[in-house]
Amino acid sequence: MSNLAYRTYNIESIKNEFLNIGFSEDTIDFVLLHNNNYNFEFLEEKMIYVEKNLNARIDNVEKSLNEKLSMGNSLIYFMILTTAMLGPILNTLFMKYLQGGKYFITYNVLF
């Protein structure tokens, strides 16, 4: 039992040491959970690798989202401009069609 208590204390001291260096608590927990080797240098290398890998993946996700958002914004701007330019023309044609339909119906009813 004393061995387990020492091991727990050792993990906490290592965790505090890495927190003081500036690593995030999530990264420390992840590396400690997946490794039974508590050698300080080994864990430091592993955590640096994990953080670099996570940062690279986060950057890729952000880049992809920005590209998709800019494409979506361009599409929305195009739709707004198209509506602004073609809206009055289509409205005029549609109204003439409706008015022409009324006259045609009225004409057929009279004769």
C-alpha atoms as a PDB file:
ATOM      1  CA  MET A   1       0.000   0.000   0.000  1.00  0.00           C
ATOM      2  CA  SER A   2       2.852   2.364   0.732  1.00  0.00           C
ATOM      3  CA  ASN A   3       4.156   1.733  -2.779  1.00  0.00           C
ATOM      4  CA  LEU A   4       0.808   2.872  -4.232  1.00  0.00           C
ATOM      5  CA  ALA A   5       0.826   5.982  -2.037  1.00  0.00           C
ATOM      6  CA  TYR A   6       4.369   6.802  -3.153  1.00  0.00           C
ATOM      7  CA  ARG A   7       3.425   6.248  -6.781  1.00  0.00           C
ATOM      8  CA  THR A   8       0.415   8.577  -6.424  1.00  0.00           C
ATOM      9  CA  TYR A   9       2.597  11.222  -4.799  1.00  0.00           C
ATOM     10  CA  ASN A  10       5.178  10.759  -7.530  1.00  0.00           C
ATOM     11  CA  ILE A  11       2.529  11.246 -10.246  1.00  0.00           C
ATOM     12  CA  GLU A  12       1.244  14.393  -8.544  1.00  0.00           C
ATOM     13  CA  SER A  13       4.740  15.830  -8.216  1.00  0.00           C
ATOM     14  CA  ILE A  14       5.467  15.101 -11.883  1.00  0.00           C
ATOM     15  CA  LYS A  15       2.126  16.624 -12.862  1.00  0.00           C
ATOM     16  CA  ASN A  16       2.861  19.762 -10.821  1.00  0.00           C
ATOM     17  CA  GLU A  17       6.302  20.014 -12.382  1.00  0.00           C
ATOM     18  CA  PHE A  18       4.865  19.957 -15.903  1.00  0.00           C
ATOM     19  CA  LEU A  19       2.142  22.426 -14.926  1.00  0.00           C
ATOM     20  CA  ASN A  20       4.858  24.798 -13.711  1.00  0.00           C
ATOM     21  CA  ILE A  21       6.639  24.465 -17.058  1.00  0.00           C
ATOM     22  CA  GLY A  22       3.465  25.484 -18.891  1.00  0.00           C
ATOM     23  CA  PHE A  23       1.903  22.309 -20.238  1.00  0.00           C
ATOM     24  CA  SER A  24      -1.866  22.073 -20.160  1.00  0.00           C
ATOM     25  CA  GLU A  25      -3.464  19.788 -17.590  1.00  0.00           C
ATOM     26  CA  ASP A  26      -5.355  17.854 -20.278  1.00  0.00           C
ATOM     27  CA  THR A  27      -2.132  17.007 -22.088  1.00  0.00           C
ATOM     28  CA  ILE A  28      -0.466  15.886 -18.871  1.00  0.00           C
ATOM     29  CA  ASP A  29      -3.418  13.679 -17.929  1.00  0.00           C
ATOM     30  CA  PHE A  30      -3.526  12.154 -21.411  1.00  0.00           C
ATOM     31  CA  VAL A  31       0.168  11.284 -21.449  1.00  0.00           C
ATOM     32  CA  LEU A  32       0.175   9.979 -17.870  1.00  0.00           C
ATOM     33  CA  LEU A  33      -2.896   7.860 -18.561  1.00  0.00           C
ATOM     34  CA  HIS A  34      -1.375   6.194 -21.627  1.00  0.00           C
ATOM     35  CA  ASN A  35       2.148   5.671 -20.281  1.00  0.00           C
ATOM     36  CA  ASN A  36       3.445   3.648 -17.376  1.00  0.00           C
ATOM     37  CA  ASN A  37       6.926   5.123 -17.717  1.00  0.00           C
ATOM     38  CA  TYR A  38       7.182   8.153 -15.432  1.00  0.00           C
ATOM     39  CA  ASN A  39      10.682   9.165 -16.472  1.00  0.00           C
ATOM     40  CA  PHE A  40      10.661  12.967 -16.563  1.00  0.00           C
ATOM     41  CA  GLU A  41      12.559  13.350 -19.848  1.00  0.00           C
ATOM     42  CA  PHE A  42      10.496  10.691 -21.584  1.00  0.00           C
ATOM     43  CA  LEU A  43       7.238  12.279 -20.462  1.00  0.00           C
ATOM     44  CA  GLU A  44       8.442  15.727 -21.469  1.00  0.00           C
ATOM     45  CA  GLU A  45       9.260  14.537 -24.995  1.00  0.00           C
ATOM     46  CA  LYS A  46       5.942  12.721 -25.217  1.00  0.00           C
ATOM     47  CA  MET A  47       3.968  15.782 -24.069  1.00  0.00           C
ATOM     48  CA  ILE A  48       5.789  18.087 -26.454  1.00  0.00           C
ATOM     49  CA  TYR A  49       4.971  15.681 -29.285  1.00  0.00           C
ATOM     50  CA  VAL A  50       1.304  15.440 -28.248  1.00  0.00           C
ATOM     51  CA  GLU A  51       0.910  19.233 -27.978  1.00  0.00           C
ATOM     52  CA  LYS A  52       2.596  19.837 -31.351  1.00  0.00           C
ATOM     53  CA  ASN A  53       0.393  17.199 -32.942  1.00  0.00           C
ATOM     54  CA  LEU A  54      -2.746  18.693 -31.381  1.00  0.00           C
ATOM     55  CA  ASN A  55      -1.765  22.211 -32.418  1.00  0.00           C
ATOM     56  CA  ALA A  56      -1.149  21.067 -35.999  1.00  0.00           C
ATOM     57  CA  ARG A  57      -4.535  19.350 -36.135  1.00  0.00           C
ATOM     58  CA  ILE A  58      -6.300  22.349 -34.607  1.00  0.00           C
ATOM     59  CA  ASP A  59      -4.655  24.602 -37.198  1.00  0.00           C
ATOM     60  CA  ASN A  60      -5.807  22.287 -40.003  1.00  0.00           C
ATOM     61  CA  VAL A  61      -9.377  22.308 -38.690  1.00  0.00           C
ATOM     62  CA  GLU A  62      -9.370  26.106 -38.360  1.00  0.00           C
ATOM     63  CA  LYS A  63      -7.973  26.494 -41.877  1.00  0.00           C
ATOM     64  CA  SER A  64     -10.608  24.154 -43.303  1.00  0.00           C
ATOM     65  CA  LEU A  65     -13.405  25.952 -41.452  1.00  0.00           C
ATOM     66  CA  ASN A  66     -12.185  29.345 -42.640  1.00  0.00           C
ATOM     67  CA  GLU A  67     -12.107  28.119 -46.248  1.00  0.00           C
ATOM     68  CA  LYS A  68     -15.622  26.704 -45.981  1.00  0.00           C
ATOM     69  CA  LEU A  69     -16.930  29.850 -44.294  1.00  0.00           C
ATOM     70  CA  SER A  70     -15.410  32.122 -46.934  1.00  0.00           C
ATOM     71  CA  MET A  71     -16.913  29.927 -49.676  1.00  0.00           C
ATOM     72  CA  GLY A  72     -20.302  30.081 -47.966  1.00  0.00           C
ATOM     73  CA  ASN A  73     -20.030  33.849 -47.576  1.00  0.00           C
ATOM     74  CA  SER A  74     -19.141  34.227 -51.259  1.00  0.00           C
ATOM     75  CA  LEU A  75     -22.150  32.138 -52.230  1.00  0.00           C
ATOM     76  CA  ILE A  76     -24.452  34.216 -50.032  1.00  0.00           C
ATOM     77  CA  TYR A  77     -23.081  37.476 -51.485  1.00  0.00           C
ATOM     78  CA  PHE A  78     -23.626  36.111 -54.995  1.00  0.00           C
ATOM     79  CA  MET A  79     -27.203  35.135 -54.177  1.00  0.00           C
ATOM     80  CA  ILE A  80     -27.932  38.563 -52.683  1.00  0.00           C
ATOM     81  CA  LEU A  81     -26.501  40.362 -55.713  1.00  0.00           C
ATOM     82  CA  THR A  82     -28.372  38.101 -58.127  1.00  0.00           C
ATOM     83  CA  THR A  83     -31.615  38.667 -56.263  1.00  0.00           C
ATOM     84  CA  ALA A  84     -31.048  42.413 -56.181  1.00  0.00           C
ATOM     85  CA  MET A  85     -30.361  42.533 -59.920  1.00  0.00           C
ATOM     86  CA  LEU A  86     -32.916  40.023 -61.202  1.00  0.00           C
ATOM     87  CA  GLY A  87     -35.621  40.591 -58.588  1.00  0.00           C
ATOM     88  CA  PRO A  88     -37.213  43.683 -60.135  1.00  0.00           C
ATOM     89  CA  ILE A  89     -37.072  42.190 -63.631  1.00  0.00           C
ATOM     90  CA  LEU A  90     -38.681  38.922 -62.555  1.00  0.00           C
ATOM     91  CA  ASN A  91     -41.265  40.802 -60.505  1.00  0.00           C
ATOM     92  CA  THR A  92     -42.231  42.929 -63.502  1.00  0.00           C
ATOM     93  CA  LEU A  93     -42.522  39.914 -65.800  1.00  0.00           C
ATOM     94  CA  PHE A  94     -44.517  37.958 -63.227  1.00  0.00           C
ATOM     95  CA  MET A  95     -46.905  40.862 -62.629  1.00  0.00           C
ATOM     96  CA  LYS A  96     -47.433  41.308 -66.379  1.00  0.00           C
ATOM     97  CA  TYR A  97     -48.143  37.589 -66.680  1.00  0.00           C
ATOM     98  CA  LEU A  98     -50.681  37.744 -63.853  1.00  0.00           C
ATOM     99  CA  GLN A  99     -52.346  40.824 -65.263  1.00  0.00           C
ATOM    100  CA  GLY A 100     -52.397  39.280 -68.719  1.00  0.00           C
ATOM    101  CA  GLY A 101     -54.010  36.193 -67.243  1.00  0.00           C
ATOM    102  CA  LYS A 102     -56.759  38.298 -65.674  1.00  0.00           C
ATOM    103  CA  TYR A 103     -57.537  39.995 -68.954  1.00  0.00           C
ATOM    104  CA  PHE A 104     -57.545  36.669 -70.758  1.00  0.00           C
ATOM    105  CA  ILE A 105     -59.933  35.142 -68.234  1.00  0.00           C
ATOM    106  CA  THR A 106     -62.182  38.202 -68.370  1.00  0.00           C
ATOM    107  CA  TYR A 107     -62.132  38.145 -72.152  1.00  0.00           C
ATOM    108  CA  ASN A 108     -63.214  34.479 -72.238  1.00  0.00           C
ATOM    109  CA  VAL A 109     -66.000  35.068 -69.776  1.00  0.00           C
ATOM    110  CA  LEU A 110     -67.429  37.926 -71.811  1.00  0.00           C
ATOM    111  CA  PHE A 111     -67.551  35.954 -75.037  1.00  0.00           C
END
